[in-house]
Amino acid sequence: MFHVFYQAKEKFKKELKIEGFLYSDLTVLASDIPYFPPEEEEENLEDGIHLVVCVHGLDGNSADLRLVKTFIELGLPGGKLDFLMSEKNQMDTFADFDTMTDRLLDEIIQHIQLYNLSISRISFIGHSLGNIIIRSVLTRPRFRYYLNKLHTFLSLSGPHLGTLYNNSTLVSTGLWLMQKLKKSGSLLQLTFRDNADLRKCFLYQLSQKTGLQYFKNVVLVASPQDRYVPFHSARIEMCKTALKDRHTGPVYAEMINNLLGPLVEAKDCTLIRHNVFHALPNTANTLIGRAAHIAVLDSELFLEKFFLVAGLNYFK
């Protein structure tokens, strides 16, 4: 039986044509602690707590990342973790990024002050558009005090390079219509239509600012089945269309260099990319790519495997 599985796995890896390894290649899990230990020792918080800030995406809410929180807590009992499930932007995710950045930053600082938290480490988990808000927060002067406490940035389907080269006409049209109807500043910025000069667009200017290199781990989770956020945008890498585009392509390449350059130079920062292939039913949501976009939030199968195999390591 194992021999059949091994043959099927090797065949699958060849068909993928993507360098890397599968979770079943690993012999050691990220955690061997049982979900419900018999006795929980009282946590010693003298050394400070690990604050994990979870930020939802477009038209989302504070409950979107509840399963992510659950599996981290189950996998790391006694981990001195405190979760902030961001809710300040859930009433209006169509605002521009500067506005949403101010809200999230206020929420983080108020949370720390309200509960008088002694912070040892801060990690961020973002879904979709929420990842851009997180990166924007890192650039603010008021957050400068916490930069040396940054630990892990887990990006779930984050449009770090925008949606400029989205290969789904249906999704692009839908986003355009939504932007017009909602008069959304964030969607305008994601599509690089907030300025005629691409180098003056919000996302390009954000790429020029420091932030990601302060993390110990920058983890980019992307799925080629996700049509809402381009695969290359979530992975922060070049795409074939951009290579052929003489007008916008060079600007796109500059953004990638702006983002990855500091990460490569940072000695204490590790960049990890995870490609996710979901087993999805044949539905309209799957066809338009929405199913894969939200599967990183609501698929218990994916989340449990991801955190048990690798994800928990980033929050230890």
Protein backbone atom coordinates (compact mmCIF):
# COMPACT_ATOMS: atom_id res chain seq x y z
CA MET A 1 0.00 0.00 0.00
CA PHE A 2 2.80 2.39 0.92
CA HIS A 3 4.59 1.56 -2.34
CA VAL A 4 1.51 2.61 -4.34
CA PHE A 5 1.28 5.86 -2.38
CA TYR A 6 4.96 6.60 -2.96
CA GLN A 7 4.66 6.02 -6.71
CA ALA A 8 1.56 8.24 -6.93
CA LYS A 9 3.30 10.97 -4.93
CA GLU A 10 6.40 10.96 -7.13
CA LYS A 11 4.22 11.09 -10.25
CA PHE A 12 2.29 14.02 -8.79
CA LYS A 13 5.50 15.92 -7.99
CA LYS A 14 6.71 15.51 -11.57
CA GLU A 15 3.40 16.79 -12.93
CA LEU A 16 3.54 19.87 -10.70
CA LYS A 17 6.85 21.04 -12.18
CA ILE A 18 7.42 23.11 -9.05
CA GLU A 19 10.56 22.82 -6.98
CA GLY A 20 9.98 21.98 -3.34
CA PHE A 21 8.68 19.16 -1.19
CA LEU A 22 5.33 17.88 0.03
CA TYR A 23 4.25 17.74 3.66
CA SER A 24 4.36 13.94 3.54
CA ASP A 25 8.11 14.12 2.83
CA LEU A 26 8.72 15.40 6.36
CA THR A 27 9.51 12.88 9.08
CA VAL A 28 9.04 15.24 12.03
CA LEU A 29 5.94 17.31 12.77
CA ALA A 30 6.04 20.90 13.94
CA SER A 31 4.54 19.83 17.26
CA ASP A 32 4.05 16.52 19.07
CA ILE A 33 2.13 18.06 21.96
CA PRO A 34 -1.41 16.63 22.29
CA TYR A 35 -4.25 19.06 21.61
CA PHE A 36 -5.70 18.66 25.09
CA PRO A 37 -2.89 18.00 27.59
CA PRO A 38 -4.04 16.37 30.85
CA GLU A 39 -2.88 19.26 33.02
CA GLU A 40 -2.17 22.81 31.99
CA GLU A 41 0.46 24.52 34.05
CA GLU A 42 -0.17 28.12 34.99
CA GLU A 43 1.58 30.34 32.49
CA ASN A 44 4.52 32.41 33.64
CA LEU A 45 4.09 35.76 31.92
CA GLU A 46 7.11 37.48 33.45
CA ASP A 47 9.01 37.24 30.17
CA GLY A 48 6.10 38.79 28.31
CA ILE A 49 3.53 37.41 25.94
CA HIS A 50 3.50 36.70 22.23
CA LEU A 51 0.86 38.95 20.66
CA VAL A 52 -0.63 37.55 17.45
CA VAL A 53 -2.61 40.06 15.40
CA CYS A 54 -5.06 38.55 12.89
CA VAL A 55 -6.31 40.80 10.10
CA HIS A 56 -9.16 39.84 7.76
CA GLY A 57 -9.51 40.71 4.10
CA LEU A 58 -11.95 42.56 1.85
CA ASP A 59 -15.53 42.50 3.12
CA GLY A 60 -14.41 40.22 5.96
CA ASN A 61 -14.78 40.32 9.72
CA SER A 62 -12.94 39.48 12.93
CA ALA A 63 -14.20 35.88 12.90
CA ASP A 64 -12.62 35.04 9.53
CA LEU A 65 -9.38 33.77 11.06
CA ARG A 66 -10.98 31.96 14.00
CA LEU A 67 -9.86 28.51 12.78
CA VAL A 68 -6.31 29.76 12.31
CA LYS A 69 -6.35 30.95 15.92
CA THR A 70 -7.89 27.67 17.10
CA PHE A 71 -5.28 25.40 15.52
CA ILE A 72 -2.39 27.52 16.79
CA GLU A 73 -3.80 27.46 20.32
CA LEU A 74 -4.43 23.72 20.14
CA GLY A 75 -0.97 23.01 18.80
CA LEU A 76 0.90 25.26 21.22
CA PRO A 77 -0.79 25.00 24.62
CA GLY A 78 0.99 27.15 27.17
CA GLY A 79 2.60 29.17 24.40
CA LYS A 80 1.95 32.51 26.13
CA LEU A 81 -0.09 33.62 23.13
CA ASP A 82 -2.53 36.51 23.08
CA PHE A 83 -4.67 36.94 19.98
CA LEU A 84 -6.03 40.22 18.71
CA MET A 85 -8.72 39.48 16.14
CA SER A 86 -8.88 42.82 14.38
CA GLU A 87 -12.36 44.25 13.95
CA LYS A 88 -11.83 47.98 13.43
CA ASN A 89 -12.02 47.69 9.64
CA GLN A 90 -14.79 45.12 9.33
CA MET A 91 -17.46 47.76 8.80
CA ASP A 92 -15.61 49.33 5.88
CA THR A 93 -12.91 47.40 4.03
CA PHE A 94 -13.52 49.46 0.91
CA ALA A 95 -11.81 52.52 2.37
CA ASP A 96 -8.32 53.48 1.22
CA PHE A 97 -5.34 51.74 2.80
CA ASP A 98 -4.14 54.76 4.76
CA THR A 99 -7.48 54.98 6.54
CA MET A 100 -7.52 51.26 7.34
CA THR A 101 -3.89 51.42 8.46
CA ASP A 102 -4.74 54.12 11.00
CA ARG A 103 -7.60 52.03 12.35
CA LEU A 104 -5.52 48.88 12.75
CA LEU A 105 -2.62 50.74 14.36
CA ASP A 106 -4.98 52.40 16.85
CA GLU A 107 -6.54 49.02 17.60
CA ILE A 108 -3.18 47.36 18.31
CA ILE A 109 -1.91 50.12 20.58
CA GLN A 110 -5.23 50.35 22.43
CA HIS A 111 -5.27 46.57 22.94
CA ILE A 112 -1.77 46.59 24.44
CA GLN A 113 -2.57 49.54 26.70
CA LEU A 114 -6.03 48.35 27.73
CA TYR A 115 -4.78 44.97 28.96
CA ASN A 116 -1.44 46.37 30.12
CA LEU A 117 0.39 43.73 28.11
CA SER A 118 4.09 43.09 28.45
CA ILE A 119 5.03 42.18 24.88
CA SER A 120 7.94 39.88 24.13
CA ARG A 121 7.04 39.17 20.50
CA ILE A 122 4.49 40.31 17.93
CA SER A 123 3.34 38.23 14.98
CA PHE A 124 0.86 39.09 12.25
CA ILE A 125 -1.46 36.81 10.30
CA GLY A 126 -3.25 38.38 7.38
CA HIS A 127 -5.71 37.20 4.78
CA SER A 128 -5.93 38.76 1.35
CA LEU A 129 -6.15 42.56 1.53
CA GLY A 130 -5.42 42.42 5.26
CA ASN A 131 -1.77 41.71 4.46
CA ILE A 132 -1.38 45.08 2.78
CA ILE A 133 -2.81 46.82 5.85
CA ILE A 134 -0.32 44.94 8.03
CA ARG A 135 2.62 45.97 5.88
CA SER A 136 1.41 49.56 5.95
CA VAL A 137 1.22 49.53 9.76
CA LEU A 138 4.88 48.52 9.94
CA THR A 139 5.88 51.77 8.23
CA ARG A 140 4.17 54.08 10.72
CA PRO A 141 6.29 56.05 13.23
CA ARG A 142 3.97 55.06 16.09
CA PHE A 143 4.77 51.40 15.48
CA ARG A 144 8.54 51.92 15.42
CA TYR A 145 8.87 50.94 19.09
CA TYR A 146 7.59 47.43 18.31
CA LEU A 147 9.74 46.69 15.24
CA ASN A 148 12.39 44.86 17.28
CA LYS A 149 9.68 42.58 18.70
CA LEU A 150 8.41 41.33 15.34
CA HIS A 151 8.49 37.55 15.00
CA THR A 152 6.37 36.00 12.21
CA PHE A 153 4.38 37.41 9.32
CA LEU A 154 2.03 34.75 7.94
CA SER A 155 0.51 35.95 4.69
CA LEU A 156 -2.49 33.94 3.47
CA SER A 157 -3.21 34.79 -0.17
CA GLY A 158 -1.91 38.33 0.13
CA PRO A 159 -1.96 40.56 -3.00
CA HIS A 160 1.48 42.03 -2.28
CA LEU A 161 1.95 43.04 -5.91
CA GLY A 162 -1.68 43.99 -6.39
CA THR A 163 -3.99 42.43 -8.95
CA LEU A 164 -2.37 44.01 -11.98
CA TYR A 165 -1.75 40.77 -13.85
CA ASN A 166 -4.82 38.80 -12.85
CA ASN A 167 -5.42 36.10 -15.46
CA SER A 168 -9.15 35.90 -14.70
CA THR A 169 -11.16 38.34 -16.80
CA LEU A 170 -14.27 37.46 -14.81
CA VAL A 171 -12.66 38.38 -11.49
CA SER A 172 -11.04 41.53 -12.90
CA THR A 173 -14.39 42.69 -14.24
CA GLY A 174 -16.08 41.91 -10.94
CA LEU A 175 -13.48 43.88 -8.98
CA TRP A 176 -13.84 46.80 -11.39
CA LEU A 177 -17.62 46.84 -10.95
CA MET A 178 -17.29 46.56 -7.17
CA GLN A 179 -14.83 49.43 -7.11
CA LYS A 180 -17.23 51.62 -9.09
CA LEU A 181 -20.27 50.70 -7.00
CA LYS A 182 -18.54 51.00 -3.63
CA LYS A 183 -16.22 53.82 -4.69
CA SER A 184 -13.54 51.72 -3.05
CA GLY A 185 -10.18 53.32 -2.45
CA SER A 186 -8.55 50.00 -1.56
CA LEU A 187 -9.63 48.28 -4.78
CA LEU A 188 -8.45 51.29 -6.77
CA GLN A 189 -5.06 51.00 -5.10
CA LEU A 190 -4.85 47.22 -5.59
CA THR A 191 -5.35 47.66 -9.34
CA PHE A 192 -2.77 50.49 -9.60
CA ARG A 193 -5.38 52.97 -10.76
CA ASP A 194 -4.90 55.44 -7.92
CA ASN A 195 -2.30 57.39 -9.91
CA ALA A 196 -1.41 57.76 -13.58
CA ASP A 197 2.26 57.33 -12.66
CA LEU A 198 2.68 53.73 -11.49
CA ARG A 199 5.62 54.68 -9.30
CA LYS A 200 3.37 57.04 -7.37
CA CYS A 201 0.73 54.39 -6.73
CA PHE A 202 0.21 53.31 -3.13
CA LEU A 203 1.49 49.75 -3.57
CA TYR A 204 4.66 50.82 -5.33
CA GLN A 205 5.46 53.41 -2.68
CA LEU A 206 4.69 50.89 0.06
CA SER A 207 7.19 48.49 -1.50
CA GLN A 208 9.89 51.14 -1.06
CA LYS A 209 9.36 51.34 2.69
CA THR A 210 11.01 49.09 5.26
CA GLY A 211 9.08 46.58 7.31
CA LEU A 212 9.18 42.91 6.36
CA GLN A 213 12.89 42.48 7.07
CA TYR A 214 12.26 43.04 10.79
CA PHE A 215 10.42 39.71 11.04
CA LYS A 216 12.19 36.47 11.90
CA ASN A 217 9.88 34.58 9.53
CA VAL A 218 8.05 35.86 6.46
CA VAL A 219 5.72 33.09 5.34
CA LEU A 220 3.88 33.47 2.03
CA VAL A 221 1.01 31.03 1.45
CA ALA A 222 -0.37 30.98 -2.10
CA SER A 223 -2.56 28.78 -4.26
CA PRO A 224 -2.62 28.60 -8.08
CA GLN A 225 -6.33 27.75 -7.75
CA ASP A 226 -6.98 31.19 -6.26
CA ARG A 227 -8.20 33.53 -9.01
CA TYR A 228 -8.93 36.44 -6.68
CA VAL A 229 -5.27 37.02 -5.83
CA PRO A 230 -2.72 36.17 -8.55
CA PHE A 231 -0.38 33.34 -7.57
CA HIS A 232 2.73 35.40 -8.33
CA SER A 233 1.42 38.35 -6.33
CA ALA A 234 0.88 36.20 -3.23
CA ARG A 235 4.37 34.71 -3.66
CA ILE A 236 6.02 38.07 -4.54
CA GLU A 237 7.60 36.86 -7.75
CA MET A 238 7.71 37.72 -11.44
CA CYS A 239 5.13 36.41 -13.89
CA LYS A 240 5.38 35.72 -17.63
CA THR A 241 2.92 38.47 -18.54
CA ALA A 242 4.96 41.08 -16.70
CA LEU A 243 8.14 39.92 -18.43
CA LYS A 244 6.52 40.60 -21.81
CA ASP A 245 5.07 43.95 -20.74
CA ARG A 246 7.62 46.63 -21.64
CA HIS A 247 5.59 49.44 -20.08
CA THR A 248 4.47 48.09 -16.71
CA GLY A 249 6.77 45.07 -16.42
CA PRO A 250 9.89 47.02 -15.32
CA VAL A 251 7.89 48.78 -12.58
CA TYR A 252 6.59 45.39 -11.45
CA ALA A 253 10.15 44.05 -11.30
CA GLU A 254 11.22 47.07 -9.25
CA MET A 255 8.47 46.35 -6.72
CA ILE A 256 9.63 42.76 -6.36
CA ASN A 257 13.22 43.88 -5.84
CA ASN A 258 12.07 46.50 -3.33
CA LEU A 259 10.27 43.85 -1.31
CA LEU A 260 12.68 40.93 -1.56
CA GLY A 261 15.98 42.82 -1.52
CA PRO A 262 15.86 43.77 2.18
CA LEU A 263 14.68 40.24 3.08
CA VAL A 264 17.64 38.65 1.35
CA GLU A 265 20.07 41.04 3.03
CA ALA A 266 18.56 40.60 6.51
CA LYS A 267 20.59 37.95 8.34
CA ASP A 268 17.91 37.09 10.90
CA CYS A 269 14.97 36.95 8.50
CA THR A 270 13.83 33.79 6.70
CA LEU A 271 11.50 33.87 3.70
CA ILE A 272 9.33 30.77 3.27
CA ARG A 273 6.85 30.10 0.48
CA HIS A 274 4.09 27.49 0.73
CA ASN A 275 2.09 26.47 -2.34
CA VAL A 276 -1.34 25.06 -1.54
CA PHE A 277 -3.40 22.73 -3.72
CA HIS A 278 -6.91 22.23 -2.37
CA ALA A 279 -9.25 19.34 -3.14
CA LEU A 280 -12.21 21.45 -4.21
CA PRO A 281 -15.67 20.43 -5.47
CA ASN A 282 -16.82 21.42 -8.95
CA THR A 283 -18.84 24.50 -8.08
CA ALA A 284 -19.19 28.04 -9.36
CA ASN A 285 -17.04 29.27 -6.47
CA THR A 286 -14.28 26.90 -7.53
CA LEU A 287 -14.57 27.99 -11.15
CA ILE A 288 -14.14 31.68 -10.38
CA GLY A 289 -11.38 30.97 -7.86
CA ARG A 290 -13.21 32.12 -4.75
CA ALA A 291 -13.26 28.67 -3.13
CA ALA A 292 -9.46 28.46 -3.01
CA HIS A 293 -9.22 32.05 -1.81
CA ILE A 294 -11.27 31.34 1.30
CA ALA A 295 -10.16 27.71 1.78
CA VAL A 296 -7.06 28.97 3.61
CA LEU A 297 -9.49 30.22 6.25
CA ASP A 298 -12.25 27.62 6.45
CA SER A 299 -10.65 24.34 5.38
CA GLU A 300 -9.97 22.41 8.58
CA LEU A 301 -8.14 19.77 6.54
CA PHE A 302 -5.68 22.31 5.17
CA LEU A 303 -5.24 24.33 8.36
CA GLU A 304 -4.62 21.34 10.62
CA LYS A 305 -2.09 19.81 8.23
CA PHE A 306 -0.37 23.12 7.60
CA PHE A 307 0.11 23.98 11.25
CA LEU A 308 1.01 20.47 12.39
CA VAL A 309 3.56 19.99 9.63
CA ALA A 310 5.14 23.43 9.47
CA GLY A 311 3.04 26.37 10.61
CA LEU A 312 3.42 25.95 14.37
CA ASN A 313 7.20 26.30 14.05
CA TYR A 314 6.73 29.93 13.09
CA PHE A 315 4.93 30.76 16.34
CA LYS A 316 7.16 28.96 18.85
